[in-house]
Amino acid sequence: MSTFVLVHGAWHTGELFEPVAQPIRAAGHAVHCPTIAGNNPEDPRGLGLEAAIASIVAHIEAQDLSDVILLGHSYGGMVITGVADRIPDRLRRLIYWNAFVPNDGECLNDMVPPHYVALFDALSAQSPDNGVMLPFPIWRDAFINDASADLAQSSYEKLNPHPYATFTDPISLSTNPADMQIGKSYINCTEDTALPQSLGWHPRLSEKLGLFRLVQLPGSHELCFSDPAALADAILRAGRD
């Protein structure tokens, strides 16, 4: 039996990973789906990246988890990289699912195209608490293009505003991901257009891991909604010994 900790992306909560966690549990593994600080609807939107990282470190330590297979989705890649830098002895493998891979001093906005930065800046300027919410047309066409209109709408209604400071805060690392002495995997959904294909997830970001296992499958950036069973299978393949 393995222990998986699934770390969600921006606008999500840990609860939204439960349909993915269920098949992994059915295969005999333990699965945790914590919510990152700043992503609970009641959390202050002023929380930054360090608080986000610390919240997942605290979850792993409070549960006394070890030999953890730690997955991060999208923005969650920023978080799991920080966790791996702080508590490497508790981790067995990192899995990045269409996720950002930062080196020391980089922020998430350094890895997205300029039009996204301009959009996020504008949205945060309109927010009283520095939260940003992805507009539905972008969500529909770029993030969940493999789902029906009804599923796209119902999943969008489960999202909540994201603390923008976590996109602009640079990460502080003692070791860059490529030099971390831990197993690494990258799951790439081939129809993911949340980033433009010319600035895509793989290989532009995945290659920053150095040596890694690649698992590819059809699907969008939000396969956790559109085909959670397929995503669970990919996670098991990415996490195997």
C-alpha atoms as a PDB file:
ATOM      1  CA  MET A   1       0.000   0.000   0.000  1.00  0.00           C
ATOM      2  CA  SER A   2       1.202   3.494  -0.857  1.00  0.00           C
ATOM      3  CA  THR A   3       0.227   6.852   0.589  1.00  0.00           C
ATOM      4  CA  PHE A   4      -0.815   9.523  -1.895  1.00  0.00           C
ATOM      5  CA  VAL A   5      -1.345  13.192  -1.100  1.00  0.00           C
ATOM      6  CA  LEU A   6      -3.190  14.958  -3.928  1.00  0.00           C
ATOM      7  CA  VAL A   7      -2.683  18.727  -4.012  1.00  0.00           C
ATOM      8  CA  HIS A   8      -5.204  20.626  -6.106  1.00  0.00           C
ATOM      9  CA  GLY A   9      -4.725  23.631  -8.360  1.00  0.00           C
ATOM     10  CA  ALA A  10      -5.978  27.209  -8.315  1.00  0.00           C
ATOM     11  CA  TRP A  11      -9.695  27.849  -7.736  1.00  0.00           C
ATOM     12  CA  HIS A  12     -10.178  24.311  -6.360  1.00  0.00           C
ATOM     13  CA  THR A  13     -10.442  22.686  -2.953  1.00  0.00           C
ATOM     14  CA  GLY A  14      -9.231  19.276  -1.874  1.00  0.00           C
ATOM     15  CA  GLU A  15     -12.777  17.947  -1.883  1.00  0.00           C
ATOM     16  CA  LEU A  16     -12.863  18.239  -5.677  1.00  0.00           C
ATOM     17  CA  PHE A  17     -10.162  15.554  -5.903  1.00  0.00           C
ATOM     18  CA  GLU A  18     -12.348  12.973  -4.128  1.00  0.00           C
ATOM     19  CA  PRO A  19     -13.706  11.364  -7.354  1.00  0.00           C
ATOM     20  CA  VAL A  20     -10.063  10.765  -8.336  1.00  0.00           C
ATOM     21  CA  ALA A  21      -9.098   9.529  -4.885  1.00  0.00           C
ATOM     22  CA  GLN A  22     -11.819   6.878  -4.755  1.00  0.00           C
ATOM     23  CA  PRO A  23     -10.398   4.536  -7.453  1.00  0.00           C
ATOM     24  CA  ILE A  24      -6.921   4.900  -5.943  1.00  0.00           C
ATOM     25  CA  ARG A  25      -8.290   3.906  -2.533  1.00  0.00           C
ATOM     26  CA  ALA A  26     -10.156   1.013  -4.172  1.00  0.00           C
ATOM     27  CA  ALA A  27      -6.768  -0.210  -5.444  1.00  0.00           C
ATOM     28  CA  GLY A  28      -5.632  -0.470  -1.818  1.00  0.00           C
ATOM     29  CA  HIS A  29      -3.856   2.827  -1.226  1.00  0.00           C
ATOM     30  CA  ALA A  30      -4.301   5.619   1.300  1.00  0.00           C
ATOM     31  CA  VAL A  31      -5.195   8.981  -0.242  1.00  0.00           C
ATOM     32  CA  HIS A  32      -5.296  12.437   1.346  1.00  0.00           C
ATOM     33  CA  CYS A  33      -6.900  15.431  -0.379  1.00  0.00           C
ATOM     34  CA  PRO A  34      -6.042  18.504   1.723  1.00  0.00           C
ATOM     35  CA  THR A  35      -7.119  22.014   0.797  1.00  0.00           C
ATOM     36  CA  ILE A  36      -4.277  24.501   0.412  1.00  0.00           C
ATOM     37  CA  ALA A  37      -4.370  27.542   2.711  1.00  0.00           C
ATOM     38  CA  GLY A  38      -6.024  30.364   0.799  1.00  0.00           C
ATOM     39  CA  ASN A  39      -8.335  28.079  -1.174  1.00  0.00           C
ATOM     40  CA  ASN A  40     -10.979  27.369   1.420  1.00  0.00           C
ATOM     41  CA  PRO A  41     -13.853  29.755   0.642  1.00  0.00           C
ATOM     42  CA  GLU A  42     -13.554  31.223   4.149  1.00  0.00           C
ATOM     43  CA  ASP A  43      -9.768  31.770   3.969  1.00  0.00           C
ATOM     44  CA  PRO A  44      -8.386  35.308   3.586  1.00  0.00           C
ATOM     45  CA  ARG A  45      -7.375  35.992  -0.005  1.00  0.00           C
ATOM     46  CA  GLY A  46      -4.259  37.811   1.127  1.00  0.00           C
ATOM     47  CA  LEU A  47      -2.407  34.587   1.902  1.00  0.00           C
ATOM     48  CA  GLY A  48       0.718  34.024  -0.155  1.00  0.00           C
ATOM     49  CA  LEU A  49       2.762  31.148  -1.488  1.00  0.00           C
ATOM     50  CA  GLU A  50       4.723  30.477   1.695  1.00  0.00           C
ATOM     51  CA  ALA A  51       1.514  30.035   3.694  1.00  0.00           C
ATOM     52  CA  ALA A  52       0.207  27.705   0.988  1.00  0.00           C
ATOM     53  CA  ILE A  53       3.330  25.538   1.113  1.00  0.00           C
ATOM     54  CA  ALA A  54       3.331  25.542   4.918  1.00  0.00           C
ATOM     55  CA  SER A  55      -0.262  24.298   5.030  1.00  0.00           C
ATOM     56  CA  ILE A  56       0.575  21.120   3.092  1.00  0.00           C
ATOM     57  CA  VAL A  57       3.742  20.578   5.147  1.00  0.00           C
ATOM     58  CA  ALA A  58       1.573  20.911   8.256  1.00  0.00           C
ATOM     59  CA  HIS A  59      -0.959  18.384   6.943  1.00  0.00           C
ATOM     60  CA  ILE A  60       1.728  15.786   6.203  1.00  0.00           C
ATOM     61  CA  GLU A  61       3.395  16.323   9.577  1.00  0.00           C
ATOM     62  CA  ALA A  62       0.142  16.373  11.547  1.00  0.00           C
ATOM     63  CA  GLN A  63      -0.903  13.063   9.972  1.00  0.00           C
ATOM     64  CA  ASP A  64       2.663  11.749  10.502  1.00  0.00           C
ATOM     65  CA  LEU A  65       2.811  10.621   6.886  1.00  0.00           C
ATOM     66  CA  SER A  66       5.984   9.152   5.415  1.00  0.00           C
ATOM     67  CA  ASP A  67       7.032   7.592   2.101  1.00  0.00           C
ATOM     68  CA  VAL A  68       4.472   9.911   0.494  1.00  0.00           C
ATOM     69  CA  ILE A  69       3.719  10.103  -3.211  1.00  0.00           C
ATOM     70  CA  LEU A  70       2.903  13.802  -3.525  1.00  0.00           C
ATOM     71  CA  LEU A  71       0.937  15.043  -6.544  1.00  0.00           C
ATOM     72  CA  GLY A  72       0.404  18.643  -7.556  1.00  0.00           C
ATOM     73  CA  HIS A  73      -1.995  19.872 -10.235  1.00  0.00           C
ATOM     74  CA  SER A  74      -1.305  23.110 -12.109  1.00  0.00           C
ATOM     75  CA  TYR A  75      -0.652  25.777  -9.410  1.00  0.00           C
ATOM     76  CA  GLY A  76      -0.227  22.829  -7.039  1.00  0.00           C
ATOM     77  CA  GLY A  77       3.138  22.224  -8.701  1.00  0.00           C
ATOM     78  CA  MET A  78       4.403  25.385  -7.019  1.00  0.00           C
ATOM     79  CA  VAL A  79       3.223  24.052  -3.679  1.00  0.00           C
ATOM     80  CA  ILE A  80       4.599  20.515  -3.912  1.00  0.00           C
ATOM     81  CA  THR A  81       7.986  21.842  -5.037  1.00  0.00           C
ATOM     82  CA  GLY A  82       8.153  23.924  -1.868  1.00  0.00           C
ATOM     83  CA  VAL A  83       6.995  20.978   0.251  1.00  0.00           C
ATOM     84  CA  ALA A  84       9.688  18.740  -1.262  1.00  0.00           C
ATOM     85  CA  ASP A  85      12.321  21.327  -0.431  1.00  0.00           C
ATOM     86  CA  ARG A  86      11.189  21.554   3.188  1.00  0.00           C
ATOM     87  CA  ILE A  87      10.418  17.916   4.132  1.00  0.00           C
ATOM     88  CA  PRO A  88      12.161  15.698   1.546  1.00  0.00           C
ATOM     89  CA  ASP A  89      12.634  12.855   4.034  1.00  0.00           C
ATOM     90  CA  ARG A  90       8.876  12.286   4.193  1.00  0.00           C
ATOM     91  CA  LEU A  91       8.442  11.916   0.422  1.00  0.00           C
ATOM     92  CA  ARG A  92       8.995   9.027  -1.992  1.00  0.00           C
ATOM     93  CA  ARG A  93       7.991  10.639  -5.307  1.00  0.00           C
ATOM     94  CA  LEU A  94       6.661  13.874  -6.755  1.00  0.00           C
ATOM     95  CA  ILE A  95       4.009  13.773  -9.471  1.00  0.00           C
ATOM     96  CA  TYR A  96       3.297  16.922 -11.471  1.00  0.00           C
ATOM     97  CA  TRP A  97      -0.018  16.779 -13.350  1.00  0.00           C
ATOM     98  CA  ASN A  98       0.046  19.510 -16.003  1.00  0.00           C
ATOM     99  CA  ALA A  99       1.699  21.546 -13.303  1.00  0.00           C
ATOM    100  CA  PHE A 100       4.135  24.414 -12.929  1.00  0.00           C
ATOM    101  CA  VAL A 101       7.721  23.478 -12.089  1.00  0.00           C
ATOM    102  CA  PRO A 102       9.536  26.435 -10.492  1.00  0.00           C
ATOM    103  CA  ASN A 103      13.208  26.957  -9.870  1.00  0.00           C
ATOM    104  CA  ASP A 104      14.402  29.077  -6.966  1.00  0.00           C
ATOM    105  CA  GLY A 105      13.222  32.692  -7.254  1.00  0.00           C
ATOM    106  CA  GLU A 106      10.538  32.019  -9.884  1.00  0.00           C
ATOM    107  CA  CYS A 107       6.867  32.803  -9.453  1.00  0.00           C
ATOM    108  CA  LEU A 108       3.937  31.241 -11.272  1.00  0.00           C
ATOM    109  CA  ASN A 109       3.434  34.364 -13.395  1.00  0.00           C
ATOM    110  CA  ASP A 110       6.966  33.915 -14.740  1.00  0.00           C
ATOM    111  CA  MET A 111       5.753  30.723 -16.458  1.00  0.00           C
ATOM    112  CA  VAL A 112       2.516  31.920 -18.077  1.00  0.00           C
ATOM    113  CA  PRO A 113       2.091  34.019 -21.243  1.00  0.00           C
ATOM    114  CA  PRO A 114       1.827  37.815 -20.906  1.00  0.00           C
ATOM    115  CA  HIS A 115      -1.889  37.892 -21.696  1.00  0.00           C
ATOM    116  CA  TYR A 116      -2.610  35.755 -18.623  1.00  0.00           C
ATOM    117  CA  VAL A 117      -0.561  38.052 -16.408  1.00  0.00           C
ATOM    118  CA  ALA A 118      -2.464  41.048 -17.779  1.00  0.00           C
ATOM    119  CA  LEU A 119      -5.792  39.275 -17.143  1.00  0.00           C
ATOM    120  CA  PHE A 120      -4.855  38.302 -13.593  1.00  0.00           C
ATOM    121  CA  ASP A 121      -3.571  41.817 -12.854  1.00  0.00           C
ATOM    122  CA  ALA A 122      -6.849  43.314 -14.063  1.00  0.00           C
ATOM    123  CA  LEU A 123      -8.971  40.846 -12.104  1.00  0.00           C
ATOM    124  CA  SER A 124      -7.026  41.378  -8.888  1.00  0.00           C
ATOM    125  CA  ALA A 125      -7.283  45.158  -9.280  1.00  0.00           C
ATOM    126  CA  GLN A 126     -11.077  44.801  -9.305  1.00  0.00           C
ATOM    127  CA  SER A 127     -11.083  42.603  -6.215  1.00  0.00           C
ATOM    128  CA  PRO A 128     -11.318  44.051  -2.693  1.00  0.00           C
ATOM    129  CA  ASP A 129      -9.262  41.156  -1.256  1.00  0.00           C
ATOM    130  CA  ASN A 130      -6.737  40.394  -4.039  1.00  0.00           C
ATOM    131  CA  GLY A 131      -8.638  37.314  -5.186  1.00  0.00           C
ATOM    132  CA  VAL A 132      -8.914  36.313  -8.837  1.00  0.00           C
ATOM    133  CA  MET A 133     -11.632  34.195 -10.433  1.00  0.00           C
ATOM    134  CA  LEU A 134     -11.211  32.612 -13.844  1.00  0.00           C
ATOM    135  CA  PRO A 135     -13.877  33.845 -16.301  1.00  0.00           C
ATOM    136  CA  PHE A 136     -16.202  31.079 -17.480  1.00  0.00           C
ATOM    137  CA  PRO A 137     -15.441  31.392 -21.239  1.00  0.00           C
ATOM    138  CA  ILE A 138     -11.747  30.734 -20.539  1.00  0.00           C
ATOM    139  CA  TRP A 139     -12.617  27.864 -18.219  1.00  0.00           C
ATOM    140  CA  ARG A 140     -14.905  26.308 -20.833  1.00  0.00           C
ATOM    141  CA  ASP A 141     -12.656  26.452 -23.879  1.00  0.00           C
ATOM    142  CA  ALA A 142      -9.147  26.318 -22.424  1.00  0.00           C
ATOM    143  CA  PHE A 143      -9.472  24.331 -19.199  1.00  0.00           C
ATOM    144  CA  ILE A 144     -12.251  21.771 -19.696  1.00  0.00           C
ATOM    145  CA  ASN A 145     -12.620  21.427 -23.454  1.00  0.00           C
ATOM    146  CA  ASP A 146     -13.287  17.677 -23.222  1.00  0.00           C
ATOM    147  CA  ALA A 147     -16.522  18.039 -21.235  1.00  0.00           C
ATOM    148  CA  SER A 148     -20.137  18.688 -22.122  1.00  0.00           C
ATOM    149  CA  ALA A 149     -21.539  22.181 -21.648  1.00  0.00           C
ATOM    150  CA  ASP A 150     -23.497  20.982 -18.608  1.00  0.00           C
ATOM    151  CA  LEU A 151     -20.435  19.439 -16.950  1.00  0.00           C
ATOM    152  CA  ALA A 152     -18.348  22.508 -17.682  1.00  0.00           C
ATOM    153  CA  GLN A 153     -20.969  24.730 -16.042  1.00  0.00           C
ATOM    154  CA  SER A 154     -21.538  22.509 -13.016  1.00  0.00           C
ATOM    155  CA  SER A 155     -17.806  22.127 -12.348  1.00  0.00           C
ATOM    156  CA  TYR A 156     -17.240  25.872 -12.717  1.00  0.00           C
ATOM    157  CA  GLU A 157     -19.854  26.487 -10.029  1.00  0.00           C
ATOM    158  CA  LYS A 158     -17.704  24.495  -7.571  1.00  0.00           C
ATOM    159  CA  LEU A 159     -14.718  26.838  -7.940  1.00  0.00           C
ATOM    160  CA  ASN A 160     -13.881  29.808  -5.720  1.00  0.00           C
ATOM    161  CA  PRO A 161     -11.659  32.905  -6.046  1.00  0.00           C
ATOM    162  CA  HIS A 162      -7.941  32.278  -5.729  1.00  0.00           C
ATOM    163  CA  PRO A 163      -5.400  34.352  -3.701  1.00  0.00           C
ATOM    164  CA  TYR A 164      -3.422  36.221  -6.343  1.00  0.00           C
ATOM    165  CA  ALA A 165      -0.354  36.653  -4.137  1.00  0.00           C
ATOM    166  CA  THR A 166       0.394  32.962  -4.677  1.00  0.00           C
ATOM    167  CA  PHE A 167       0.878  33.715  -8.404  1.00  0.00           C
ATOM    168  CA  THR A 168       3.209  36.667  -7.828  1.00  0.00           C
ATOM    169  CA  ASP A 169       5.254  35.455  -4.848  1.00  0.00           C
ATOM    170  CA  PRO A 170       8.644  34.010  -5.869  1.00  0.00           C
ATOM    171  CA  ILE A 171       9.393  30.613  -4.399  1.00  0.00           C
ATOM    172  CA  SER A 172      12.374  30.151  -2.104  1.00  0.00           C
ATOM    173  CA  LEU A 173      14.169  26.834  -2.618  1.00  0.00           C
ATOM    174  CA  SER A 174      17.462  25.453  -1.356  1.00  0.00           C
ATOM    175  CA  THR A 175      17.452  22.909  -4.204  1.00  0.00           C
ATOM    176  CA  ASN A 176      15.913  23.193  -7.662  1.00  0.00           C
ATOM    177  CA  PRO A 177      13.639  20.332  -8.756  1.00  0.00           C
ATOM    178  CA  ALA A 178      16.139  18.811 -11.200  1.00  0.00           C
ATOM    179  CA  ASP A 179      18.634  18.403  -8.358  1.00  0.00           C
ATOM    180  CA  MET A 180      16.216  16.998  -5.785  1.00  0.00           C
ATOM    181  CA  GLN A 181      17.144  13.447  -4.782  1.00  0.00           C
ATOM    182  CA  ILE A 182      13.619  12.086  -5.103  1.00  0.00           C
ATOM    183  CA  GLY A 183      11.652  10.283  -7.808  1.00  0.00           C
ATOM    184  CA  LYS A 184       9.708  12.570 -10.140  1.00  0.00           C
ATOM    185  CA  SER A 185       6.913  11.970 -12.639  1.00  0.00           C
ATOM    186  CA  TYR A 186       5.019  14.223 -15.027  1.00  0.00           C
ATOM    187  CA  ILE A 187       1.452  13.516 -16.175  1.00  0.00           C
ATOM    188  CA  ASN A 188       0.628  15.340 -19.403  1.00  0.00           C
ATOM    189  CA  CYS A 189      -2.938  15.539 -20.707  1.00  0.00           C
ATOM    190  CA  THR A 190      -2.488  15.939 -24.437  1.00  0.00           C
ATOM    191  CA  GLU A 191      -5.581  18.092 -25.063  1.00  0.00           C
ATOM    192  CA  ASP A 192      -4.723  20.545 -22.291  1.00  0.00           C
ATOM    193  CA  THR A 193      -4.869  24.076 -23.742  1.00  0.00           C
ATOM    194  CA  ALA A 194      -4.927  25.963 -20.439  1.00  0.00           C
ATOM    195  CA  LEU A 195      -1.511  27.128 -21.602  1.00  0.00           C
ATOM    196  CA  PRO A 196      -1.008  27.827 -25.309  1.00  0.00           C
ATOM    197  CA  GLN A 197       0.492  24.844 -27.109  1.00  0.00           C
ATOM    198  CA  SER A 198       3.481  26.983 -28.108  1.00  0.00           C
ATOM    199  CA  LEU A 199       4.128  27.536 -24.383  1.00  0.00           C
ATOM    200  CA  GLY A 200       2.801  24.194 -23.235  1.00  0.00           C
ATOM    201  CA  TRP A 201       3.270  22.131 -20.117  1.00  0.00           C
ATOM    202  CA  HIS A 202       5.384  19.386 -21.668  1.00  0.00           C
ATOM    203  CA  PRO A 203       8.270  19.525 -22.433  1.00  0.00           C
ATOM    204  CA  ARG A 204       8.754  23.215 -21.564  1.00  0.00           C
ATOM    205  CA  LEU A 205       8.024  22.773 -17.857  1.00  0.00           C
ATOM    206  CA  SER A 206       8.442  19.037 -17.374  1.00  0.00           C
ATOM    207  CA  GLU A 207      12.064  19.104 -18.521  1.00  0.00           C
ATOM    208  CA  LYS A 208      12.884  21.305 -15.519  1.00  0.00           C
ATOM    209  CA  LEU A 209      12.527  18.132 -13.428  1.00  0.00           C
ATOM    210  CA  GLY A 210      15.712  16.650 -14.871  1.00  0.00           C
ATOM    211  CA  LEU A 211      15.232  12.887 -14.813  1.00  0.00           C
ATOM    212  CA  PHE A 212      11.520  12.033 -14.671  1.00  0.00           C
ATOM    213  CA  ARG A 213       8.888   9.477 -15.679  1.00  0.00           C
ATOM    214  CA  LEU A 214       6.418  10.692 -18.301  1.00  0.00           C
ATOM    215  CA  VAL A 215       2.804   9.500 -18.376  1.00  0.00           C
ATOM    216  CA  GLN A 216       0.591  10.877 -21.144  1.00  0.00           C
ATOM    217  CA  LEU A 217      -3.117  10.429 -21.758  1.00  0.00           C
ATOM    218  CA  PRO A 218      -5.928  12.182 -23.642  1.00  0.00           C
ATOM    219  CA  GLY A 219      -7.779  14.879 -21.783  1.00  0.00           C
ATOM    220  CA  SER A 220      -8.056  18.484 -20.723  1.00  0.00           C
ATOM    221  CA  HIS A 221      -6.585  20.461 -17.841  1.00  0.00           C
ATOM    222  CA  GLU A 222      -9.565  19.440 -15.699  1.00  0.00           C
ATOM    223  CA  LEU A 223      -9.600  15.680 -16.220  1.00  0.00           C
ATOM    224  CA  CYS A 224     -10.443  15.409 -12.516  1.00  0.00           C
ATOM    225  CA  PHE A 225     -13.963  16.471 -13.544  1.00  0.00           C
ATOM    226  CA  SER A 226     -14.258  15.015 -17.038  1.00  0.00           C
ATOM    227  CA  ASP A 227     -12.718  11.555 -16.454  1.00  0.00           C
ATOM    228  CA  PRO A 228     -11.567  11.015 -12.867  1.00  0.00           C
ATOM    229  CA  ALA A 229     -11.107   7.270 -13.357  1.00  0.00           C
ATOM    230  CA  ALA A 230      -8.657   7.795 -16.228  1.00  0.00           C
ATOM    231  CA  LEU A 231      -6.752  10.331 -14.151  1.00  0.00           C
ATOM    232  CA  ALA A 232      -6.620   7.930 -11.202  1.00  0.00           C
ATOM    233  CA  ASP A 233      -5.128   5.260 -13.457  1.00  0.00           C
ATOM    234  CA  ALA A 234      -2.508   7.714 -14.726  1.00  0.00           C
ATOM    235  CA  ILE A 235      -1.612   8.663 -11.140  1.00  0.00           C
ATOM    236  CA  LEU A 236      -1.125   5.016 -10.237  1.00  0.00           C
ATOM    237  CA  ARG A 237       1.154   4.522 -13.256  1.00  0.00           C
ATOM    238  CA  ALA A 238       3.068   7.694 -12.436  1.00  0.00           C
ATOM    239  CA  GLY A 239       3.468   6.653  -8.797  1.00  0.00           C
ATOM    240  CA  ARG A 240       4.507   3.026  -9.247  1.00  0.00           C
ATOM    241  CA  ASP A 241       7.915   1.833  -8.058  1.00  0.00           C
END
